[in-house]
Amino acid sequence: MRNKVKNILYISIILLLVVLSFGTGFFFNKMSMLAKNTDTNRDIQTAMEDTSSKYAVSDIAVPIADTTYTQDELQNIRVYEKTKASVVNISTEVMSMNWFFEPIPTEGSTGSGAIIDASGYVLTNTHVIDKAVKIYVSLSNGDQYEAEVVGTDTENDLAVLKFNPSPGVTLEPIPFGSSANLKVGQKVLAIGNPFGLDRTLTVGVVSALGRPIRNDNDFIINNMIQTDTAINPGNSGGPLLDSSGLLIGINTMIYSTSGSSAGVGFAVPVDTAKRIIPELIKNGKVTRGTIDAQLVQMNSSIANYAKLNINYGLLVSSVDKNSNAQQAGLYGGTQQVRYGYGRNASSFYIGGDIIVAINGQAIKQFSDYYSALEDKKPNETVTVTVIRNGKEVQLKIKLVARS
């Protein structure tokens, strides 16, 4: 009887230990997962801080004799050695039709990108991944991963991708700087994959600042950095770095008649990227404010028909009832007209206000309107200048979310 009791007691203890072991492991696994998610979210928010105060390019080890190279050359080498692993090669597949009109995947565009978080987030241009059905990210060690689109912002031609690195692979995020205090003439470096040639370094200077450049989607990207650093097809989405190796811009486009570098390249400022990256990761898009009214692009034909002495700006066709714009005193048109012929014909109203400026920025066409509101959020109030009966009138209008 005593032996039976002992056996039962032993079995009970063993079962208790098993349960405790499983429960403890489960608990710690759960805690580990929660901690990992929290750390990732924290890393995403802090990765874009200006690291110039704690990042020195002179700390980069270069396995060469310093006396062999000039100080300028050593600086270039050190920047490249430090940041090349943060640059990725991006290739895509797009869908096309074969001879039998069947959809088949074919090779698409190639471009560059920069790792912005150790968990696998990558910053690049929207046009690099346009129409892609599959996206591949290649690392400096030769590993290739399929990536997914996290978010895109067509107005700034920026996109965030995400891939999952293999266990044991350590990613090196690009160190962020700031574009606020750039000066014309300062040295800049670009790393990318021009014509598919991996991780090519080119060097130049900041040629101009604050350039408003219209992209292929007819949006104006403000405050673009102009550089003479050689940028070619394939460099798009890659980093523009300062002489400390900090990210100051995202190489986006060139001005060229041949399609190759002609010494006029443009990069989106990193401060613009830092503003929108968190929203792209969180929501997949950027929510911007707009005026809740129906607007029509002014032109000479409309001006002549309506007997107006202004042929630019945005005509307010109608204003939504009980809207912020109506409450602010924005007037819509009163006379319906039909513009155009056939299927291209449209109806709108003339006689209303004509928007010519927002917060002091001239509005001559829709691209100017989107540019003026690019960094404005719903519920923000803007000063809108309109022409009404030949005179300027200023209104304070609270914006709503743009659909």
Protein backbone atom coordinates (compact mmCIF):
# COMPACT_ATOMS: atom_id res chain seq x y z
CA MET A 1 0.00 0.00 0.00
CA ARG A 2 2.86 2.33 0.98
CA ASN A 3 4.67 1.62 -2.32
CA LYS A 4 1.51 2.40 -4.25
CA VAL A 5 1.18 5.75 -2.50
CA LYS A 6 4.85 6.49 -3.25
CA ASN A 7 4.37 5.68 -6.95
CA ILE A 8 1.32 7.93 -7.17
CA LEU A 9 3.26 10.70 -5.46
CA TYR A 10 6.22 10.33 -7.85
CA ILE A 11 3.96 10.36 -10.89
CA SER A 12 2.17 13.48 -9.59
CA ILE A 13 5.47 15.29 -9.08
CA ILE A 14 6.69 14.36 -12.57
CA LEU A 15 3.41 15.55 -14.14
CA LEU A 16 3.60 18.78 -12.15
CA LEU A 17 7.16 19.40 -13.36
CA VAL A 18 6.15 18.76 -16.98
CA VAL A 19 3.23 21.17 -16.72
CA LEU A 20 5.36 23.81 -15.04
CA SER A 21 8.09 23.38 -17.65
CA PHE A 22 5.65 23.72 -20.53
CA GLY A 23 3.85 26.62 -18.95
CA THR A 24 7.05 28.45 -18.15
CA GLY A 25 8.40 27.93 -21.67
CA PHE A 26 5.11 29.07 -23.17
CA PHE A 27 5.11 32.12 -20.92
CA PHE A 28 8.65 33.10 -21.79
CA ASN A 29 8.04 32.48 -25.50
CA LYS A 30 5.03 34.78 -25.38
CA MET A 31 6.99 37.40 -23.48
CA SER A 32 9.83 37.08 -25.97
CA MET A 33 7.47 37.59 -28.92
CA LEU A 34 5.89 40.63 -27.29
CA ALA A 35 9.28 42.09 -26.51
CA LYS A 36 10.43 41.47 -30.10
CA ASN A 37 7.37 43.23 -31.57
CA THR A 38 7.80 46.15 -29.19
CA ASP A 39 11.48 46.44 -30.06
CA THR A 40 10.69 46.39 -33.79
CA ASN A 41 8.12 49.17 -33.45
CA ARG A 42 10.54 51.17 -31.34
CA ASP A 43 13.34 50.61 -33.87
CA ILE A 44 11.15 51.86 -36.73
CA GLN A 45 10.36 55.06 -34.86
CA THR A 46 13.96 55.72 -33.79
CA ALA A 47 15.84 54.50 -36.88
CA MET A 48 15.19 57.78 -38.69
CA GLU A 49 16.72 59.99 -36.02
CA ASP A 50 19.60 62.19 -37.14
CA THR A 51 22.59 60.13 -36.04
CA SER A 52 25.23 62.69 -36.98
CA SER A 53 26.05 63.39 -33.34
CA LYS A 54 26.95 59.76 -32.64
CA TYR A 55 28.28 58.61 -36.02
CA ALA A 56 31.81 59.33 -37.14
CA VAL A 57 33.10 58.15 -40.50
CA SER A 58 36.62 58.21 -39.07
CA ASP A 59 35.63 55.30 -36.84
CA ILE A 60 35.26 53.06 -39.89
CA ALA A 61 38.07 50.57 -40.15
CA VAL A 62 39.77 50.51 -43.55
CA PRO A 63 42.16 47.57 -44.06
CA ILE A 64 44.64 49.56 -46.15
CA ALA A 65 47.64 51.75 -45.57
CA ASP A 66 46.39 55.30 -45.04
CA THR A 67 49.50 56.75 -46.69
CA THR A 68 48.52 55.16 -49.99
CA TYR A 69 45.50 57.44 -50.43
CA THR A 70 44.59 61.08 -50.03
CA GLN A 71 42.31 62.16 -47.21
CA ASP A 72 39.49 62.68 -49.68
CA GLU A 73 39.95 59.19 -51.11
CA LEU A 74 40.06 57.67 -47.64
CA GLN A 75 36.80 59.41 -46.80
CA ASN A 76 35.14 57.99 -49.91
CA ILE A 77 36.44 54.50 -49.13
CA ARG A 78 35.30 54.63 -45.53
CA VAL A 79 31.80 55.81 -46.43
CA TYR A 80 31.47 53.05 -49.01
CA GLU A 81 32.74 50.34 -46.67
CA LYS A 82 30.36 51.46 -43.94
CA THR A 83 27.19 51.76 -46.01
CA LYS A 84 27.43 49.30 -48.91
CA ALA A 85 25.77 46.51 -46.90
CA SER A 86 22.80 48.82 -46.26
CA VAL A 87 22.13 49.17 -50.01
CA VAL A 88 20.02 46.56 -51.77
CA ASN A 89 19.40 45.71 -55.40
CA ILE A 90 15.70 45.60 -56.30
CA SER A 91 14.39 43.65 -59.29
CA THR A 92 10.79 43.08 -60.30
CA GLU A 93 8.56 40.89 -62.40
CA VAL A 94 5.66 42.37 -64.33
CA MET A 95 2.81 40.74 -66.19
CA SER A 96 2.80 40.79 -69.99
CA MET A 97 1.06 38.94 -72.81
CA ASN A 98 2.53 36.18 -74.97
CA TRP A 99 1.66 35.45 -78.61
CA PHE A 100 -1.53 33.72 -77.47
CA PHE A 101 -2.60 36.69 -75.34
CA GLU A 102 -1.92 34.76 -72.17
CA PRO A 103 -0.57 36.68 -69.16
CA ILE A 104 2.98 35.64 -68.30
CA PRO A 105 5.48 37.11 -65.81
CA THR A 106 8.47 38.84 -67.40
CA GLU A 107 11.45 40.75 -66.12
CA GLY A 108 10.53 44.27 -65.06
CA SER A 109 12.58 47.18 -63.83
CA THR A 110 15.62 47.20 -61.58
CA GLY A 111 16.54 49.76 -58.98
CA SER A 112 18.07 50.35 -55.61
CA GLY A 113 16.94 50.70 -52.04
CA ALA A 114 18.22 51.24 -48.52
CA ILE A 115 17.59 49.07 -45.47
CA ILE A 116 16.01 51.29 -42.82
CA ASP A 117 15.32 48.74 -40.10
CA ALA A 118 17.02 45.53 -38.95
CA SER A 119 13.75 43.60 -39.29
CA GLY A 120 13.78 43.99 -43.10
CA TYR A 121 12.14 47.30 -44.03
CA VAL A 122 13.52 48.90 -47.21
CA LEU A 123 13.05 52.43 -48.57
CA THR A 124 12.95 52.93 -52.35
CA ASN A 125 11.07 54.82 -55.09
CA THR A 126 7.49 54.05 -56.04
CA HIS A 127 8.38 54.00 -59.74
CA VAL A 128 10.94 51.23 -59.13
CA ILE A 129 8.14 48.82 -58.14
CA ASP A 130 5.42 50.19 -60.41
CA LYS A 131 3.18 47.44 -61.85
CA ALA A 132 5.30 44.72 -60.24
CA VAL A 133 3.67 41.38 -59.49
CA LYS A 134 6.79 40.16 -57.70
CA ILE A 135 9.61 42.10 -56.04
CA TYR A 136 13.03 40.72 -55.14
CA VAL A 137 15.58 42.27 -52.81
CA SER A 138 19.25 41.24 -53.12
CA LEU A 139 21.69 41.87 -50.28
CA SER A 140 25.41 42.59 -50.49
CA ASN A 141 26.16 39.00 -49.41
CA GLY A 142 24.30 37.66 -52.45
CA ASP A 143 21.16 36.54 -50.60
CA GLN A 144 17.91 37.27 -52.40
CA TYR A 145 14.46 37.53 -50.82
CA GLU A 146 10.98 38.15 -52.11
CA ALA A 147 9.58 41.37 -50.67
CA GLU A 148 6.10 42.80 -50.29
CA VAL A 149 4.92 46.38 -50.56
CA VAL A 150 4.14 47.93 -47.18
CA GLY A 151 3.13 51.37 -48.41
CA THR A 152 3.54 53.81 -51.30
CA ASP A 153 3.37 57.58 -51.70
CA THR A 154 3.10 58.53 -55.36
CA GLU A 155 3.28 62.25 -54.63
CA ASN A 156 6.82 61.92 -53.27
CA ASP A 157 7.73 58.82 -55.31
CA LEU A 158 8.61 56.88 -52.16
CA ALA A 159 7.76 53.33 -51.12
CA VAL A 160 8.50 51.04 -48.19
CA LEU A 161 9.06 47.30 -48.76
CA LYS A 162 9.42 44.46 -46.27
CA PHE A 163 11.26 41.14 -46.52
CA ASN A 164 12.05 38.52 -43.90
CA PRO A 165 15.77 37.77 -43.62
CA SER A 166 16.90 34.22 -42.93
CA PRO A 167 17.72 33.25 -39.34
CA GLY A 168 21.21 34.35 -38.44
CA VAL A 169 21.35 37.10 -41.10
CA THR A 170 22.08 40.48 -39.52
CA LEU A 171 20.92 43.49 -41.50
CA GLU A 172 22.66 46.85 -41.33
CA PRO A 173 20.21 49.79 -41.52
CA ILE A 174 21.38 52.94 -43.25
CA PRO A 175 22.26 55.72 -40.76
CA PHE A 176 19.90 58.69 -41.12
CA GLY A 177 21.03 62.30 -41.32
CA SER A 178 19.08 65.48 -42.05
CA SER A 179 18.52 67.51 -45.18
CA ALA A 180 17.62 70.70 -43.29
CA ASN A 181 21.08 72.27 -43.27
CA LEU A 182 22.53 71.16 -46.59
CA LYS A 183 24.64 73.68 -48.50
CA VAL A 184 25.27 74.05 -52.20
CA GLY A 185 28.79 72.85 -52.89
CA GLN A 186 29.04 70.27 -50.12
CA LYS A 187 30.24 66.82 -51.04
CA VAL A 188 27.73 64.01 -51.54
CA LEU A 189 28.02 60.35 -52.51
CA ALA A 190 25.54 57.99 -54.16
CA ILE A 191 25.48 54.22 -53.95
CA GLY A 192 23.21 52.23 -56.23
CA ASN A 193 22.90 49.69 -58.98
CA PRO A 194 23.12 51.57 -62.29
CA PHE A 195 22.38 49.32 -65.27
CA GLY A 196 22.30 46.38 -62.84
CA LEU A 197 25.92 46.88 -61.71
CA ASP A 198 25.78 46.20 -57.97
CA ARG A 199 26.67 48.84 -55.40
CA THR A 200 28.36 51.43 -57.56
CA LEU A 201 29.76 54.51 -55.83
CA THR A 202 29.68 57.94 -57.47
CA VAL A 203 30.79 61.23 -55.95
CA GLY A 204 29.76 64.84 -56.53
CA VAL A 205 28.39 67.92 -54.84
CA VAL A 206 25.03 69.47 -54.01
CA SER A 207 24.34 71.59 -57.09
CA ALA A 208 21.15 73.30 -55.90
CA LEU A 209 18.49 73.05 -53.19
CA GLY A 210 14.75 73.55 -52.97
CA ARG A 211 14.01 72.46 -56.54
CA PRO A 212 10.31 71.82 -57.26
CA ILE A 213 10.40 68.95 -59.77
CA ARG A 214 7.41 67.43 -61.55
CA ASN A 215 7.45 63.62 -61.56
CA ASP A 216 5.98 61.24 -64.14
CA ASN A 217 2.61 61.25 -62.35
CA ASP A 218 2.34 65.05 -62.74
CA PHE A 219 2.90 65.69 -59.04
CA ILE A 220 5.40 68.33 -58.00
CA ILE A 221 7.93 67.09 -55.44
CA ASN A 222 9.09 70.06 -53.39
CA ASN A 223 12.56 70.85 -52.06
CA MET A 224 14.36 68.33 -54.23
CA ILE A 225 18.14 68.11 -53.91
CA GLN A 226 19.94 68.69 -57.21
CA THR A 227 23.32 67.01 -57.56
CA ASP A 228 25.96 66.44 -60.21
CA THR A 229 26.69 63.01 -58.73
CA ALA A 230 26.33 60.52 -61.58
CA ILE A 231 22.88 58.92 -61.36
CA ASN A 232 21.78 56.46 -64.03
CA PRO A 233 18.87 54.05 -64.55
CA GLY A 234 19.10 51.58 -61.68
CA ASN A 235 20.23 54.20 -59.15
CA SER A 236 16.61 55.10 -58.41
CA GLY A 237 15.71 54.47 -54.79
CA GLY A 238 19.32 54.33 -53.64
CA PRO A 239 20.81 56.55 -50.95
CA LEU A 240 22.41 59.95 -51.40
CA LEU A 241 24.93 60.31 -48.56
CA ASP A 242 26.88 63.14 -47.03
CA SER A 243 30.62 62.89 -46.36
CA SER A 244 29.92 61.28 -42.99
CA GLY A 245 27.97 58.46 -44.63
CA LEU A 246 24.58 59.68 -43.41
CA LEU A 247 21.46 59.41 -45.57
CA ILE A 248 20.42 62.86 -46.76
CA GLY A 249 18.31 61.97 -49.81
CA ILE A 250 16.80 59.25 -51.97
CA ASN A 251 18.02 59.34 -55.58
CA THR A 252 14.93 59.59 -57.75
CA MET A 253 15.38 61.01 -61.23
CA ILE A 254 17.75 62.53 -63.76
CA TYR A 255 17.38 65.25 -66.32
CA SER A 256 18.76 63.91 -69.57
CA THR A 257 17.98 63.76 -73.27
CA SER A 258 19.76 60.41 -73.61
CA GLY A 259 18.42 58.62 -70.53
CA SER A 260 21.88 58.52 -68.94
CA SER A 261 23.51 60.81 -66.43
CA ALA A 262 24.14 64.32 -67.71
CA GLY A 263 25.25 65.77 -64.40
CA VAL A 264 21.74 66.79 -63.35
CA GLY A 265 20.20 64.39 -60.86
CA PHE A 266 17.56 64.87 -58.19
CA ALA A 267 16.97 63.27 -54.80
CA VAL A 268 14.00 63.43 -52.44
CA PRO A 269 15.17 65.05 -49.17
CA VAL A 270 15.54 62.60 -46.29
CA ASP A 271 13.45 64.88 -44.07
CA THR A 272 10.51 64.30 -46.41
CA ALA A 273 11.06 60.54 -46.14
CA LYS A 274 11.32 60.70 -42.35
CA ARG A 275 7.98 62.49 -42.21
CA ILE A 276 6.06 59.90 -44.23
CA ILE A 277 7.80 56.57 -43.49
CA PRO A 278 5.99 55.96 -40.16
CA GLU A 279 2.62 56.57 -41.83
CA LEU A 280 3.46 54.28 -44.74
CA ILE A 281 4.42 51.50 -42.32
CA LYS A 282 1.35 52.03 -40.16
CA ASN A 283 -1.33 52.70 -42.79
CA GLY A 284 0.19 51.81 -46.16
CA LYS A 285 -0.48 55.30 -47.45
CA VAL A 286 -0.25 58.98 -46.54
CA THR A 287 -3.46 60.75 -45.55
CA ARG A 288 -3.51 64.36 -46.68
CA GLY A 289 -5.94 67.23 -46.33
CA THR A 290 -7.99 68.82 -49.09
CA ILE A 291 -10.66 71.48 -49.54
CA ASP A 292 -14.14 69.96 -49.68
CA ALA A 293 -15.23 71.58 -52.94
CA GLN A 294 -15.33 70.64 -56.62
CA LEU A 295 -12.54 72.43 -58.46
CA VAL A 296 -11.91 72.93 -62.17
CA GLN A 297 -8.66 73.91 -63.87
CA MET A 298 -8.95 77.40 -65.34
CA ASN A 299 -7.82 78.04 -68.92
CA SER A 300 -8.21 80.66 -71.64
CA SER A 301 -11.38 79.12 -73.07
CA ILE A 302 -13.18 79.18 -69.73
CA ALA A 303 -11.90 82.67 -69.00
CA ASN A 304 -13.14 83.99 -72.38
CA TYR A 305 -16.54 82.36 -72.03
CA ALA A 306 -17.03 83.59 -68.47
CA LYS A 307 -15.62 87.03 -69.36
CA LEU A 308 -12.90 86.80 -66.73
CA ASN A 309 -9.55 88.57 -66.81
CA ILE A 310 -7.75 85.62 -65.22
CA ASN A 311 -7.01 82.35 -67.03
CA TYR A 312 -5.12 80.46 -64.31
CA GLY A 313 -5.98 79.03 -60.91
CA LEU A 314 -8.71 76.62 -59.84
CA LEU A 315 -12.32 77.54 -60.42
CA VAL A 316 -14.64 76.58 -57.57
CA SER A 317 -17.48 74.82 -59.39
CA SER A 318 -19.46 73.86 -56.28
CA VAL A 319 -19.02 73.67 -52.52
CA ASP A 320 -20.32 70.78 -50.46
CA LYS A 321 -23.32 71.70 -48.31
CA ASN A 322 -22.51 72.26 -44.63
CA SER A 323 -18.84 71.64 -45.42
CA ASN A 324 -15.83 73.33 -43.87
CA ALA A 325 -15.33 75.24 -47.12
CA GLN A 326 -18.90 76.55 -47.11
CA GLN A 327 -18.64 77.57 -43.45
CA ALA A 328 -15.41 79.40 -44.26
CA GLY A 329 -17.21 81.41 -46.95
CA LEU A 330 -15.96 79.77 -50.14
CA TYR A 331 -18.37 80.42 -53.03
CA GLY A 332 -19.24 77.96 -55.79
CA GLY A 333 -20.54 78.77 -59.26
CA THR A 334 -24.12 79.57 -60.20
CA GLN A 335 -24.26 79.07 -63.98
CA GLN A 336 -23.98 75.56 -65.40
CA VAL A 337 -21.95 75.15 -68.56
CA ARG A 338 -20.85 72.22 -70.70
CA TYR A 339 -17.20 72.01 -71.69
CA GLY A 340 -15.70 69.81 -74.42
CA TYR A 341 -17.24 67.48 -76.99
CA GLY A 342 -18.59 63.94 -77.05
CA ARG A 343 -17.37 61.59 -74.36
CA ASN A 344 -14.83 64.15 -73.18
CA ALA A 345 -17.51 66.71 -72.40
CA SER A 346 -18.09 67.68 -68.78
CA SER A 347 -20.46 69.95 -66.89
CA PHE A 348 -19.51 72.41 -64.18
CA TYR A 349 -20.53 75.81 -62.82
CA ILE A 350 -18.95 79.20 -63.45
CA GLY A 351 -19.35 82.37 -61.43
CA GLY A 352 -17.67 81.09 -58.26
CA ASP A 353 -14.39 81.90 -56.56
CA ILE A 354 -11.06 81.19 -58.26
CA ILE A 355 -8.33 79.82 -55.97
CA VAL A 356 -4.99 81.48 -56.77
CA ALA A 357 -2.90 80.82 -53.62
CA ILE A 358 -2.75 78.61 -50.52
CA ASN A 359 -0.64 79.80 -47.60
CA GLY A 360 1.01 82.26 -49.94
CA GLN A 361 2.00 79.61 -52.50
CA ALA A 362 0.76 80.45 -55.99
CA ILE A 363 -1.83 78.04 -57.41
CA LYS A 364 -1.94 78.08 -61.21
CA GLN A 365 -2.84 74.45 -61.85
CA PHE A 366 -3.77 71.27 -60.01
CA SER A 367 -0.17 70.19 -59.53
CA ASP A 368 0.42 73.42 -57.57
CA TYR A 369 -2.66 72.65 -55.45
CA TYR A 370 -1.42 69.17 -54.55
CA SER A 371 2.05 70.55 -53.89
CA ALA A 372 0.72 73.20 -51.51
CA LEU A 373 -1.22 70.60 -49.51
CA GLU A 374 1.36 67.78 -49.69
CA ASP A 375 2.36 68.09 -46.03
CA LYS A 376 -1.04 69.18 -44.71
CA LYS A 377 -3.29 66.91 -42.67
CA PRO A 378 -7.09 66.78 -42.21
CA ASN A 379 -8.34 69.37 -39.69
CA GLU A 380 -5.41 71.70 -40.38
CA THR A 381 -6.42 75.23 -41.35
CA VAL A 382 -4.92 76.93 -44.39
CA THR A 383 -5.17 80.46 -45.75
CA VAL A 384 -6.78 80.36 -49.19
CA THR A 385 -6.56 83.37 -51.52
CA VAL A 386 -9.40 83.59 -54.07
CA ILE A 387 -10.38 86.00 -56.80
CA ARG A 388 -14.01 87.10 -56.32
CA ASN A 389 -15.55 89.76 -58.56
CA GLY A 390 -12.07 90.79 -59.65
CA LYS A 391 -10.75 91.28 -56.12
CA GLU A 392 -8.59 89.15 -53.82
CA VAL A 393 -10.27 87.64 -50.78
CA GLN A 394 -8.56 85.54 -48.11
CA LEU A 395 -10.36 82.71 -46.33
CA LYS A 396 -9.38 80.41 -43.47
CA ILE A 397 -10.48 76.88 -44.44
CA LYS A 398 -10.17 73.72 -42.35
CA LEU A 399 -9.14 70.76 -44.49
CA VAL A 400 -10.82 67.37 -44.72
CA ALA A 401 -9.29 64.00 -45.61
CA ARG A 402 -8.54 63.57 -49.29
CA SER A 403 -10.20 60.49 -50.75
